[in-house]
Amino acid sequence: EGFGGAFTGAVSYNLGQLNPALRE
């Protein structure tokens, strides 16, 4: 059916600190 990863609170926090272009 496919593959994936986890979107935890740590992931969300780290993404929030990044430059938007890098995040995208």
PDBML (XML) file of the C-alpha atoms, coordinates in Angstrom:
<?xml version="1.0" encoding="UTF-8" ?>
<PDBx:datablock datablockName="MODEL"
   xmlns:PDBx="http://pdbml.pdb.org/schema/pdbx-v50.xsd"
   xmlns:xsi="http://www.w3.org/2001/XMLSchema-instance"
   xsi:schemaLocation="http://pdbml.pdb.org/schema/pdbx-v50.xsd pdbx-v50.xsd">
   <PDBx:atom_siteCategory>
      <PDBx:atom_site id="1">
         <PDBx:B_iso_or_equiv>0.00</PDBx:B_iso_or_equiv>
         <PDBx:Cartn_x>0.000</PDBx:Cartn_x>
         <PDBx:Cartn_y>0.000</PDBx:Cartn_y>
         <PDBx:Cartn_z>0.000</PDBx:Cartn_z>
         <PDBx:auth_asym_id>A</PDBx:auth_asym_id>
         <PDBx:auth_atom_id>CA</PDBx:auth_atom_id>
         <PDBx:auth_comp_id>GLU</PDBx:auth_comp_id>
         <PDBx:auth_seq_id>1</PDBx:auth_seq_id>
         <PDBx:group_PDB>ATOM</PDBx:group_PDB>
         <PDBx:label_alt_id xsi:nil="true" />
         <PDBx:label_asym_id>A</PDBx:label_asym_id>
         <PDBx:label_atom_id>CA</PDBx:label_atom_id>
         <PDBx:label_comp_id>GLU</PDBx:label_comp_id>
         <PDBx:label_entity_id>1</PDBx:label_entity_id>
         <PDBx:label_seq_id>1</PDBx:label_seq_id>
         <PDBx:occupancy>1.00</PDBx:occupancy>
         <PDBx:pdbx_PDB_model_num>1</PDBx:pdbx_PDB_model_num>
         <PDBx:type_symbol>C</PDBx:type_symbol>
      </PDBx:atom_site>
      <PDBx:atom_site id="2">
         <PDBx:B_iso_or_equiv>0.00</PDBx:B_iso_or_equiv>
         <PDBx:Cartn_x>2.951</PDBx:Cartn_x>
         <PDBx:Cartn_y>2.386</PDBx:Cartn_y>
         <PDBx:Cartn_z>0.379</PDBx:Cartn_z>
         <PDBx:auth_asym_id>A</PDBx:auth_asym_id>
         <PDBx:auth_atom_id>CA</PDBx:auth_atom_id>
         <PDBx:auth_comp_id>GLY</PDBx:auth_comp_id>
         <PDBx:auth_seq_id>2</PDBx:auth_seq_id>
         <PDBx:group_PDB>ATOM</PDBx:group_PDB>
         <PDBx:label_alt_id xsi:nil="true" />
         <PDBx:label_asym_id>A</PDBx:label_asym_id>
         <PDBx:label_atom_id>CA</PDBx:label_atom_id>
         <PDBx:label_comp_id>GLY</PDBx:label_comp_id>
         <PDBx:label_entity_id>1</PDBx:label_entity_id>
         <PDBx:label_seq_id>2</PDBx:label_seq_id>
         <PDBx:occupancy>1.00</PDBx:occupancy>
         <PDBx:pdbx_PDB_model_num>1</PDBx:pdbx_PDB_model_num>
         <PDBx:type_symbol>C</PDBx:type_symbol>
      </PDBx:atom_site>
      <PDBx:atom_site id="3">
         <PDBx:B_iso_or_equiv>0.00</PDBx:B_iso_or_equiv>
         <PDBx:Cartn_x>5.485</PDBx:Cartn_x>
         <PDBx:Cartn_y>3.996</PDBx:Cartn_y>
         <PDBx:Cartn_z>2.683</PDBx:Cartn_z>
         <PDBx:auth_asym_id>A</PDBx:auth_asym_id>
         <PDBx:auth_atom_id>CA</PDBx:auth_atom_id>
         <PDBx:auth_comp_id>PHE</PDBx:auth_comp_id>
         <PDBx:auth_seq_id>3</PDBx:auth_seq_id>
         <PDBx:group_PDB>ATOM</PDBx:group_PDB>
         <PDBx:label_alt_id xsi:nil="true" />
         <PDBx:label_asym_id>A</PDBx:label_asym_id>
         <PDBx:label_atom_id>CA</PDBx:label_atom_id>
         <PDBx:label_comp_id>PHE</PDBx:label_comp_id>
         <PDBx:label_entity_id>1</PDBx:label_entity_id>
         <PDBx:label_seq_id>3</PDBx:label_seq_id>
         <PDBx:occupancy>1.00</PDBx:occupancy>
         <PDBx:pdbx_PDB_model_num>1</PDBx:pdbx_PDB_model_num>
         <PDBx:type_symbol>C</PDBx:type_symbol>
      </PDBx:atom_site>
      <PDBx:atom_site id="4">
         <PDBx:B_iso_or_equiv>0.00</PDBx:B_iso_or_equiv>
         <PDBx:Cartn_x>5.618</PDBx:Cartn_x>
         <PDBx:Cartn_y>6.994</PDBx:Cartn_y>
         <PDBx:Cartn_z>4.996</PDBx:Cartn_z>
         <PDBx:auth_asym_id>A</PDBx:auth_asym_id>
         <PDBx:auth_atom_id>CA</PDBx:auth_atom_id>
         <PDBx:auth_comp_id>GLY</PDBx:auth_comp_id>
         <PDBx:auth_seq_id>4</PDBx:auth_seq_id>
         <PDBx:group_PDB>ATOM</PDBx:group_PDB>
         <PDBx:label_alt_id xsi:nil="true" />
         <PDBx:label_asym_id>A</PDBx:label_asym_id>
         <PDBx:label_atom_id>CA</PDBx:label_atom_id>
         <PDBx:label_comp_id>GLY</PDBx:label_comp_id>
         <PDBx:label_entity_id>1</PDBx:label_entity_id>
         <PDBx:label_seq_id>4</PDBx:label_seq_id>
         <PDBx:occupancy>1.00</PDBx:occupancy>
         <PDBx:pdbx_PDB_model_num>1</PDBx:pdbx_PDB_model_num>
         <PDBx:type_symbol>C</PDBx:type_symbol>
      </PDBx:atom_site>
      <PDBx:atom_site id="5">
         <PDBx:B_iso_or_equiv>0.00</PDBx:B_iso_or_equiv>
         <PDBx:Cartn_x>6.905</PDBx:Cartn_x>
         <PDBx:Cartn_y>8.717</PDBx:Cartn_y>
         <PDBx:Cartn_z>8.114</PDBx:Cartn_z>
         <PDBx:auth_asym_id>A</PDBx:auth_asym_id>
         <PDBx:auth_atom_id>CA</PDBx:auth_atom_id>
         <PDBx:auth_comp_id>GLY</PDBx:auth_comp_id>
         <PDBx:auth_seq_id>5</PDBx:auth_seq_id>
         <PDBx:group_PDB>ATOM</PDBx:group_PDB>
         <PDBx:label_alt_id xsi:nil="true" />
         <PDBx:label_asym_id>A</PDBx:label_asym_id>
         <PDBx:label_atom_id>CA</PDBx:label_atom_id>
         <PDBx:label_comp_id>GLY</PDBx:label_comp_id>
         <PDBx:label_entity_id>1</PDBx:label_entity_id>
         <PDBx:label_seq_id>5</PDBx:label_seq_id>
         <PDBx:occupancy>1.00</PDBx:occupancy>
         <PDBx:pdbx_PDB_model_num>1</PDBx:pdbx_PDB_model_num>
         <PDBx:type_symbol>C</PDBx:type_symbol>
      </PDBx:atom_site>
      <PDBx:atom_site id="6">
         <PDBx:B_iso_or_equiv>0.00</PDBx:B_iso_or_equiv>
         <PDBx:Cartn_x>5.667</PDBx:Cartn_x>
         <PDBx:Cartn_y>10.304</PDBx:Cartn_y>
         <PDBx:Cartn_z>11.339</PDBx:Cartn_z>
         <PDBx:auth_asym_id>A</PDBx:auth_asym_id>
         <PDBx:auth_atom_id>CA</PDBx:auth_atom_id>
         <PDBx:auth_comp_id>ALA</PDBx:auth_comp_id>
         <PDBx:auth_seq_id>6</PDBx:auth_seq_id>
         <PDBx:group_PDB>ATOM</PDBx:group_PDB>
         <PDBx:label_alt_id xsi:nil="true" />
         <PDBx:label_asym_id>A</PDBx:label_asym_id>
         <PDBx:label_atom_id>CA</PDBx:label_atom_id>
         <PDBx:label_comp_id>ALA</PDBx:label_comp_id>
         <PDBx:label_entity_id>1</PDBx:label_entity_id>
         <PDBx:label_seq_id>6</PDBx:label_seq_id>
         <PDBx:occupancy>1.00</PDBx:occupancy>
         <PDBx:pdbx_PDB_model_num>1</PDBx:pdbx_PDB_model_num>
         <PDBx:type_symbol>C</PDBx:type_symbol>
      </PDBx:atom_site>
      <PDBx:atom_site id="7">
         <PDBx:B_iso_or_equiv>0.00</PDBx:B_iso_or_equiv>
         <PDBx:Cartn_x>4.663</PDBx:Cartn_x>
         <PDBx:Cartn_y>13.931</PDBx:Cartn_y>
         <PDBx:Cartn_z>11.932</PDBx:Cartn_z>
         <PDBx:auth_asym_id>A</PDBx:auth_asym_id>
         <PDBx:auth_atom_id>CA</PDBx:auth_atom_id>
         <PDBx:auth_comp_id>PHE</PDBx:auth_comp_id>
         <PDBx:auth_seq_id>7</PDBx:auth_seq_id>
         <PDBx:group_PDB>ATOM</PDBx:group_PDB>
         <PDBx:label_alt_id xsi:nil="true" />
         <PDBx:label_asym_id>A</PDBx:label_asym_id>
         <PDBx:label_atom_id>CA</PDBx:label_atom_id>
         <PDBx:label_comp_id>PHE</PDBx:label_comp_id>
         <PDBx:label_entity_id>1</PDBx:label_entity_id>
         <PDBx:label_seq_id>7</PDBx:label_seq_id>
         <PDBx:occupancy>1.00</PDBx:occupancy>
         <PDBx:pdbx_PDB_model_num>1</PDBx:pdbx_PDB_model_num>
         <PDBx:type_symbol>C</PDBx:type_symbol>
      </PDBx:atom_site>
      <PDBx:atom_site id="8">
         <PDBx:B_iso_or_equiv>0.00</PDBx:B_iso_or_equiv>
         <PDBx:Cartn_x>5.354</PDBx:Cartn_x>
         <PDBx:Cartn_y>14.270</PDBx:Cartn_y>
         <PDBx:Cartn_z>15.668</PDBx:Cartn_z>
         <PDBx:auth_asym_id>A</PDBx:auth_asym_id>
         <PDBx:auth_atom_id>CA</PDBx:auth_atom_id>
         <PDBx:auth_comp_id>THR</PDBx:auth_comp_id>
         <PDBx:auth_seq_id>8</PDBx:auth_seq_id>
         <PDBx:group_PDB>ATOM</PDBx:group_PDB>
         <PDBx:label_alt_id xsi:nil="true" />
         <PDBx:label_asym_id>A</PDBx:label_asym_id>
         <PDBx:label_atom_id>CA</PDBx:label_atom_id>
         <PDBx:label_comp_id>THR</PDBx:label_comp_id>
         <PDBx:label_entity_id>1</PDBx:label_entity_id>
         <PDBx:label_seq_id>8</PDBx:label_seq_id>
         <PDBx:occupancy>1.00</PDBx:occupancy>
         <PDBx:pdbx_PDB_model_num>1</PDBx:pdbx_PDB_model_num>
         <PDBx:type_symbol>C</PDBx:type_symbol>
      </PDBx:atom_site>
      <PDBx:atom_site id="9">
         <PDBx:B_iso_or_equiv>0.00</PDBx:B_iso_or_equiv>
         <PDBx:Cartn_x>5.463</PDBx:Cartn_x>
         <PDBx:Cartn_y>17.346</PDBx:Cartn_y>
         <PDBx:Cartn_z>17.869</PDBx:Cartn_z>
         <PDBx:auth_asym_id>A</PDBx:auth_asym_id>
         <PDBx:auth_atom_id>CA</PDBx:auth_atom_id>
         <PDBx:auth_comp_id>GLY</PDBx:auth_comp_id>
         <PDBx:auth_seq_id>9</PDBx:auth_seq_id>
         <PDBx:group_PDB>ATOM</PDBx:group_PDB>
         <PDBx:label_alt_id xsi:nil="true" />
         <PDBx:label_asym_id>A</PDBx:label_asym_id>
         <PDBx:label_atom_id>CA</PDBx:label_atom_id>
         <PDBx:label_comp_id>GLY</PDBx:label_comp_id>
         <PDBx:label_entity_id>1</PDBx:label_entity_id>
         <PDBx:label_seq_id>9</PDBx:label_seq_id>
         <PDBx:occupancy>1.00</PDBx:occupancy>
         <PDBx:pdbx_PDB_model_num>1</PDBx:pdbx_PDB_model_num>
         <PDBx:type_symbol>C</PDBx:type_symbol>
      </PDBx:atom_site>
      <PDBx:atom_site id="10">
         <PDBx:B_iso_or_equiv>0.00</PDBx:B_iso_or_equiv>
         <PDBx:Cartn_x>9.247</PDBx:Cartn_x>
         <PDBx:Cartn_y>17.404</PDBx:Cartn_y>
         <PDBx:Cartn_z>17.432</PDBx:Cartn_z>
         <PDBx:auth_asym_id>A</PDBx:auth_asym_id>
         <PDBx:auth_atom_id>CA</PDBx:auth_atom_id>
         <PDBx:auth_comp_id>ALA</PDBx:auth_comp_id>
         <PDBx:auth_seq_id>10</PDBx:auth_seq_id>
         <PDBx:group_PDB>ATOM</PDBx:group_PDB>
         <PDBx:label_alt_id xsi:nil="true" />
         <PDBx:label_asym_id>A</PDBx:label_asym_id>
         <PDBx:label_atom_id>CA</PDBx:label_atom_id>
         <PDBx:label_comp_id>ALA</PDBx:label_comp_id>
         <PDBx:label_entity_id>1</PDBx:label_entity_id>
         <PDBx:label_seq_id>10</PDBx:label_seq_id>
         <PDBx:occupancy>1.00</PDBx:occupancy>
         <PDBx:pdbx_PDB_model_num>1</PDBx:pdbx_PDB_model_num>
         <PDBx:type_symbol>C</PDBx:type_symbol>
      </PDBx:atom_site>
      <PDBx:atom_site id="11">
         <PDBx:B_iso_or_equiv>0.00</PDBx:B_iso_or_equiv>
         <PDBx:Cartn_x>8.859</PDBx:Cartn_x>
         <PDBx:Cartn_y>17.372</PDBx:Cartn_y>
         <PDBx:Cartn_z>13.648</PDBx:Cartn_z>
         <PDBx:auth_asym_id>A</PDBx:auth_asym_id>
         <PDBx:auth_atom_id>CA</PDBx:auth_atom_id>
         <PDBx:auth_comp_id>VAL</PDBx:auth_comp_id>
         <PDBx:auth_seq_id>11</PDBx:auth_seq_id>
         <PDBx:group_PDB>ATOM</PDBx:group_PDB>
         <PDBx:label_alt_id xsi:nil="true" />
         <PDBx:label_asym_id>A</PDBx:label_asym_id>
         <PDBx:label_atom_id>CA</PDBx:label_atom_id>
         <PDBx:label_comp_id>VAL</PDBx:label_comp_id>
         <PDBx:label_entity_id>1</PDBx:label_entity_id>
         <PDBx:label_seq_id>11</PDBx:label_seq_id>
         <PDBx:occupancy>1.00</PDBx:occupancy>
         <PDBx:pdbx_PDB_model_num>1</PDBx:pdbx_PDB_model_num>
         <PDBx:type_symbol>C</PDBx:type_symbol>
      </PDBx:atom_site>
      <PDBx:atom_site id="12">
         <PDBx:B_iso_or_equiv>0.00</PDBx:B_iso_or_equiv>
         <PDBx:Cartn_x>6.330</PDBx:Cartn_x>
         <PDBx:Cartn_y>20.194</PDBx:Cartn_y>
         <PDBx:Cartn_z>13.834</PDBx:Cartn_z>
         <PDBx:auth_asym_id>A</PDBx:auth_asym_id>
         <PDBx:auth_atom_id>CA</PDBx:auth_atom_id>
         <PDBx:auth_comp_id>SER</PDBx:auth_comp_id>
         <PDBx:auth_seq_id>12</PDBx:auth_seq_id>
         <PDBx:group_PDB>ATOM</PDBx:group_PDB>
         <PDBx:label_alt_id xsi:nil="true" />
         <PDBx:label_asym_id>A</PDBx:label_asym_id>
         <PDBx:label_atom_id>CA</PDBx:label_atom_id>
         <PDBx:label_comp_id>SER</PDBx:label_comp_id>
         <PDBx:label_entity_id>1</PDBx:label_entity_id>
         <PDBx:label_seq_id>12</PDBx:label_seq_id>
         <PDBx:occupancy>1.00</PDBx:occupancy>
         <PDBx:pdbx_PDB_model_num>1</PDBx:pdbx_PDB_model_num>
         <PDBx:type_symbol>C</PDBx:type_symbol>
      </PDBx:atom_site>
      <PDBx:atom_site id="13">
         <PDBx:B_iso_or_equiv>0.00</PDBx:B_iso_or_equiv>
         <PDBx:Cartn_x>8.579</PDBx:Cartn_x>
         <PDBx:Cartn_y>22.261</PDBx:Cartn_y>
         <PDBx:Cartn_z>16.110</PDBx:Cartn_z>
         <PDBx:auth_asym_id>A</PDBx:auth_asym_id>
         <PDBx:auth_atom_id>CA</PDBx:auth_atom_id>
         <PDBx:auth_comp_id>TYR</PDBx:auth_comp_id>
         <PDBx:auth_seq_id>13</PDBx:auth_seq_id>
         <PDBx:group_PDB>ATOM</PDBx:group_PDB>
         <PDBx:label_alt_id xsi:nil="true" />
         <PDBx:label_asym_id>A</PDBx:label_asym_id>
         <PDBx:label_atom_id>CA</PDBx:label_atom_id>
         <PDBx:label_comp_id>TYR</PDBx:label_comp_id>
         <PDBx:label_entity_id>1</PDBx:label_entity_id>
         <PDBx:label_seq_id>13</PDBx:label_seq_id>
         <PDBx:occupancy>1.00</PDBx:occupancy>
         <PDBx:pdbx_PDB_model_num>1</PDBx:pdbx_PDB_model_num>
         <PDBx:type_symbol>C</PDBx:type_symbol>
      </PDBx:atom_site>
      <PDBx:atom_site id="14">
         <PDBx:B_iso_or_equiv>0.00</PDBx:B_iso_or_equiv>
         <PDBx:Cartn_x>11.640</PDBx:Cartn_x>
         <PDBx:Cartn_y>21.808</PDBx:Cartn_y>
         <PDBx:Cartn_z>13.911</PDBx:Cartn_z>
         <PDBx:auth_asym_id>A</PDBx:auth_asym_id>
         <PDBx:auth_atom_id>CA</PDBx:auth_atom_id>
         <PDBx:auth_comp_id>ASN</PDBx:auth_comp_id>
         <PDBx:auth_seq_id>14</PDBx:auth_seq_id>
         <PDBx:group_PDB>ATOM</PDBx:group_PDB>
         <PDBx:label_alt_id xsi:nil="true" />
         <PDBx:label_asym_id>A</PDBx:label_asym_id>
         <PDBx:label_atom_id>CA</PDBx:label_atom_id>
         <PDBx:label_comp_id>ASN</PDBx:label_comp_id>
         <PDBx:label_entity_id>1</PDBx:label_entity_id>
         <PDBx:label_seq_id>14</PDBx:label_seq_id>
         <PDBx:occupancy>1.00</PDBx:occupancy>
         <PDBx:pdbx_PDB_model_num>1</PDBx:pdbx_PDB_model_num>
         <PDBx:type_symbol>C</PDBx:type_symbol>
      </PDBx:atom_site>
      <PDBx:atom_site id="15">
         <PDBx:B_iso_or_equiv>0.00</PDBx:B_iso_or_equiv>
         <PDBx:Cartn_x>9.707</PDBx:Cartn_x>
         <PDBx:Cartn_y>22.664</PDBx:Cartn_y>
         <PDBx:Cartn_z>10.748</PDBx:Cartn_z>
         <PDBx:auth_asym_id>A</PDBx:auth_asym_id>
         <PDBx:auth_atom_id>CA</PDBx:auth_atom_id>
         <PDBx:auth_comp_id>LEU</PDBx:auth_comp_id>
         <PDBx:auth_seq_id>15</PDBx:auth_seq_id>
         <PDBx:group_PDB>ATOM</PDBx:group_PDB>
         <PDBx:label_alt_id xsi:nil="true" />
         <PDBx:label_asym_id>A</PDBx:label_asym_id>
         <PDBx:label_atom_id>CA</PDBx:label_atom_id>
         <PDBx:label_comp_id>LEU</PDBx:label_comp_id>
         <PDBx:label_entity_id>1</PDBx:label_entity_id>
         <PDBx:label_seq_id>15</PDBx:label_seq_id>
         <PDBx:occupancy>1.00</PDBx:occupancy>
         <PDBx:pdbx_PDB_model_num>1</PDBx:pdbx_PDB_model_num>
         <PDBx:type_symbol>C</PDBx:type_symbol>
      </PDBx:atom_site>
      <PDBx:atom_site id="16">
         <PDBx:B_iso_or_equiv>0.00</PDBx:B_iso_or_equiv>
         <PDBx:Cartn_x>8.434</PDBx:Cartn_x>
         <PDBx:Cartn_y>25.824</PDBx:Cartn_y>
         <PDBx:Cartn_z>12.395</PDBx:Cartn_z>
         <PDBx:auth_asym_id>A</PDBx:auth_asym_id>
         <PDBx:auth_atom_id>CA</PDBx:auth_atom_id>
         <PDBx:auth_comp_id>GLY</PDBx:auth_comp_id>
         <PDBx:auth_seq_id>16</PDBx:auth_seq_id>
         <PDBx:group_PDB>ATOM</PDBx:group_PDB>
         <PDBx:label_alt_id xsi:nil="true" />
         <PDBx:label_asym_id>A</PDBx:label_asym_id>
         <PDBx:label_atom_id>CA</PDBx:label_atom_id>
         <PDBx:label_comp_id>GLY</PDBx:label_comp_id>
         <PDBx:label_entity_id>1</PDBx:label_entity_id>
         <PDBx:label_seq_id>16</PDBx:label_seq_id>
         <PDBx:occupancy>1.00</PDBx:occupancy>
         <PDBx:pdbx_PDB_model_num>1</PDBx:pdbx_PDB_model_num>
         <PDBx:type_symbol>C</PDBx:type_symbol>
      </PDBx:atom_site>
      <PDBx:atom_site id="17">
         <PDBx:B_iso_or_equiv>0.00</PDBx:B_iso_or_equiv>
         <PDBx:Cartn_x>11.995</PDBx:Cartn_x>
         <PDBx:Cartn_y>27.109</PDBx:Cartn_y>
         <PDBx:Cartn_z>12.900</PDBx:Cartn_z>
         <PDBx:auth_asym_id>A</PDBx:auth_asym_id>
         <PDBx:auth_atom_id>CA</PDBx:auth_atom_id>
         <PDBx:auth_comp_id>GLN</PDBx:auth_comp_id>
         <PDBx:auth_seq_id>17</PDBx:auth_seq_id>
         <PDBx:group_PDB>ATOM</PDBx:group_PDB>
         <PDBx:label_alt_id xsi:nil="true" />
         <PDBx:label_asym_id>A</PDBx:label_asym_id>
         <PDBx:label_atom_id>CA</PDBx:label_atom_id>
         <PDBx:label_comp_id>GLN</PDBx:label_comp_id>
         <PDBx:label_entity_id>1</PDBx:label_entity_id>
         <PDBx:label_seq_id>17</PDBx:label_seq_id>
         <PDBx:occupancy>1.00</PDBx:occupancy>
         <PDBx:pdbx_PDB_model_num>1</PDBx:pdbx_PDB_model_num>
         <PDBx:type_symbol>C</PDBx:type_symbol>
      </PDBx:atom_site>
      <PDBx:atom_site id="18">
         <PDBx:B_iso_or_equiv>0.00</PDBx:B_iso_or_equiv>
         <PDBx:Cartn_x>13.077</PDBx:Cartn_x>
         <PDBx:Cartn_y>26.652</PDBx:Cartn_y>
         <PDBx:Cartn_z>9.286</PDBx:Cartn_z>
         <PDBx:auth_asym_id>A</PDBx:auth_asym_id>
         <PDBx:auth_atom_id>CA</PDBx:auth_atom_id>
         <PDBx:auth_comp_id>LEU</PDBx:auth_comp_id>
         <PDBx:auth_seq_id>18</PDBx:auth_seq_id>
         <PDBx:group_PDB>ATOM</PDBx:group_PDB>
         <PDBx:label_alt_id xsi:nil="true" />
         <PDBx:label_asym_id>A</PDBx:label_asym_id>
         <PDBx:label_atom_id>CA</PDBx:label_atom_id>
         <PDBx:label_comp_id>LEU</PDBx:label_comp_id>
         <PDBx:label_entity_id>1</PDBx:label_entity_id>
         <PDBx:label_seq_id>18</PDBx:label_seq_id>
         <PDBx:occupancy>1.00</PDBx:occupancy>
         <PDBx:pdbx_PDB_model_num>1</PDBx:pdbx_PDB_model_num>
         <PDBx:type_symbol>C</PDBx:type_symbol>
      </PDBx:atom_site>
      <PDBx:atom_site id="19">
         <PDBx:B_iso_or_equiv>0.00</PDBx:B_iso_or_equiv>
         <PDBx:Cartn_x>13.202</PDBx:Cartn_x>
         <PDBx:Cartn_y>29.119</PDBx:Cartn_y>
         <PDBx:Cartn_z>6.436</PDBx:Cartn_z>
         <PDBx:auth_asym_id>A</PDBx:auth_asym_id>
         <PDBx:auth_atom_id>CA</PDBx:auth_atom_id>
         <PDBx:auth_comp_id>ASN</PDBx:auth_comp_id>
         <PDBx:auth_seq_id>19</PDBx:auth_seq_id>
         <PDBx:group_PDB>ATOM</PDBx:group_PDB>
         <PDBx:label_alt_id xsi:nil="true" />
         <PDBx:label_asym_id>A</PDBx:label_asym_id>
         <PDBx:label_atom_id>CA</PDBx:label_atom_id>
         <PDBx:label_comp_id>ASN</PDBx:label_comp_id>
         <PDBx:label_entity_id>1</PDBx:label_entity_id>
         <PDBx:label_seq_id>19</PDBx:label_seq_id>
         <PDBx:occupancy>1.00</PDBx:occupancy>
         <PDBx:pdbx_PDB_model_num>1</PDBx:pdbx_PDB_model_num>
         <PDBx:type_symbol>C</PDBx:type_symbol>
      </PDBx:atom_site>
      <PDBx:atom_site id="20">
         <PDBx:B_iso_or_equiv>0.00</PDBx:B_iso_or_equiv>
         <PDBx:Cartn_x>9.897</PDBx:Cartn_x>
         <PDBx:Cartn_y>28.597</PDBx:Cartn_y>
         <PDBx:Cartn_z>4.549</PDBx:Cartn_z>
         <PDBx:auth_asym_id>A</PDBx:auth_asym_id>
         <PDBx:auth_atom_id>CA</PDBx:auth_atom_id>
         <PDBx:auth_comp_id>PRO</PDBx:auth_comp_id>
         <PDBx:auth_seq_id>20</PDBx:auth_seq_id>
         <PDBx:group_PDB>ATOM</PDBx:group_PDB>
         <PDBx:label_alt_id xsi:nil="true" />
         <PDBx:label_asym_id>A</PDBx:label_asym_id>
         <PDBx:label_atom_id>CA</PDBx:label_atom_id>
         <PDBx:label_comp_id>PRO</PDBx:label_comp_id>
         <PDBx:label_entity_id>1</PDBx:label_entity_id>
         <PDBx:label_seq_id>20</PDBx:label_seq_id>
         <PDBx:occupancy>1.00</PDBx:occupancy>
         <PDBx:pdbx_PDB_model_num>1</PDBx:pdbx_PDB_model_num>
         <PDBx:type_symbol>C</PDBx:type_symbol>
      </PDBx:atom_site>
      <PDBx:atom_site id="21">
         <PDBx:B_iso_or_equiv>0.00</PDBx:B_iso_or_equiv>
         <PDBx:Cartn_x>11.714</PDBx:Cartn_x>
         <PDBx:Cartn_y>27.778</PDBx:Cartn_y>
         <PDBx:Cartn_z>1.306</PDBx:Cartn_z>
         <PDBx:auth_asym_id>A</PDBx:auth_asym_id>
         <PDBx:auth_atom_id>CA</PDBx:auth_atom_id>
         <PDBx:auth_comp_id>ALA</PDBx:auth_comp_id>
         <PDBx:auth_seq_id>21</PDBx:auth_seq_id>
         <PDBx:group_PDB>ATOM</PDBx:group_PDB>
         <PDBx:label_alt_id xsi:nil="true" />
         <PDBx:label_asym_id>A</PDBx:label_asym_id>
         <PDBx:label_atom_id>CA</PDBx:label_atom_id>
         <PDBx:label_comp_id>ALA</PDBx:label_comp_id>
         <PDBx:label_entity_id>1</PDBx:label_entity_id>
         <PDBx:label_seq_id>21</PDBx:label_seq_id>
         <PDBx:occupancy>1.00</PDBx:occupancy>
         <PDBx:pdbx_PDB_model_num>1</PDBx:pdbx_PDB_model_num>
         <PDBx:type_symbol>C</PDBx:type_symbol>
      </PDBx:atom_site>
      <PDBx:atom_site id="22">
         <PDBx:B_iso_or_equiv>0.00</PDBx:B_iso_or_equiv>
         <PDBx:Cartn_x>13.759</PDBx:Cartn_x>
         <PDBx:Cartn_y>25.058</PDBx:Cartn_y>
         <PDBx:Cartn_z>3.010</PDBx:Cartn_z>
         <PDBx:auth_asym_id>A</PDBx:auth_asym_id>
         <PDBx:auth_atom_id>CA</PDBx:auth_atom_id>
         <PDBx:auth_comp_id>LEU</PDBx:auth_comp_id>
         <PDBx:auth_seq_id>22</PDBx:auth_seq_id>
         <PDBx:group_PDB>ATOM</PDBx:group_PDB>
         <PDBx:label_alt_id xsi:nil="true" />
         <PDBx:label_asym_id>A</PDBx:label_asym_id>
         <PDBx:label_atom_id>CA</PDBx:label_atom_id>
         <PDBx:label_comp_id>LEU</PDBx:label_comp_id>
         <PDBx:label_entity_id>1</PDBx:label_entity_id>
         <PDBx:label_seq_id>22</PDBx:label_seq_id>
         <PDBx:occupancy>1.00</PDBx:occupancy>
         <PDBx:pdbx_PDB_model_num>1</PDBx:pdbx_PDB_model_num>
         <PDBx:type_symbol>C</PDBx:type_symbol>
      </PDBx:atom_site>
      <PDBx:atom_site id="23">
         <PDBx:B_iso_or_equiv>0.00</PDBx:B_iso_or_equiv>
         <PDBx:Cartn_x>10.663</PDBx:Cartn_x>
         <PDBx:Cartn_y>23.715</PDBx:Cartn_y>
         <PDBx:Cartn_z>4.729</PDBx:Cartn_z>
         <PDBx:auth_asym_id>A</PDBx:auth_asym_id>
         <PDBx:auth_atom_id>CA</PDBx:auth_atom_id>
         <PDBx:auth_comp_id>ARG</PDBx:auth_comp_id>
         <PDBx:auth_seq_id>23</PDBx:auth_seq_id>
         <PDBx:group_PDB>ATOM</PDBx:group_PDB>
         <PDBx:label_alt_id xsi:nil="true" />
         <PDBx:label_asym_id>A</PDBx:label_asym_id>
         <PDBx:label_atom_id>CA</PDBx:label_atom_id>
         <PDBx:label_comp_id>ARG</PDBx:label_comp_id>
         <PDBx:label_entity_id>1</PDBx:label_entity_id>
         <PDBx:label_seq_id>23</PDBx:label_seq_id>
         <PDBx:occupancy>1.00</PDBx:occupancy>
         <PDBx:pdbx_PDB_model_num>1</PDBx:pdbx_PDB_model_num>
         <PDBx:type_symbol>C</PDBx:type_symbol>
      </PDBx:atom_site>
      <PDBx:atom_site id="24">
         <PDBx:B_iso_or_equiv>0.00</PDBx:B_iso_or_equiv>
         <PDBx:Cartn_x>8.892</PDBx:Cartn_x>
         <PDBx:Cartn_y>23.424</PDBx:Cartn_y>
         <PDBx:Cartn_z>1.380</PDBx:Cartn_z>
         <PDBx:auth_asym_id>A</PDBx:auth_asym_id>
         <PDBx:auth_atom_id>CA</PDBx:auth_atom_id>
         <PDBx:auth_comp_id>GLU</PDBx:auth_comp_id>
         <PDBx:auth_seq_id>24</PDBx:auth_seq_id>
         <PDBx:group_PDB>ATOM</PDBx:group_PDB>
         <PDBx:label_alt_id xsi:nil="true" />
         <PDBx:label_asym_id>A</PDBx:label_asym_id>
         <PDBx:label_atom_id>CA</PDBx:label_atom_id>
         <PDBx:label_comp_id>GLU</PDBx:label_comp_id>
         <PDBx:label_entity_id>1</PDBx:label_entity_id>
         <PDBx:label_seq_id>24</PDBx:label_seq_id>
         <PDBx:occupancy>1.00</PDBx:occupancy>
         <PDBx:pdbx_PDB_model_num>1</PDBx:pdbx_PDB_model_num>
         <PDBx:type_symbol>C</PDBx:type_symbol>
      </PDBx:atom_site>
   </PDBx:atom_siteCategory>
</PDBx:datablock>
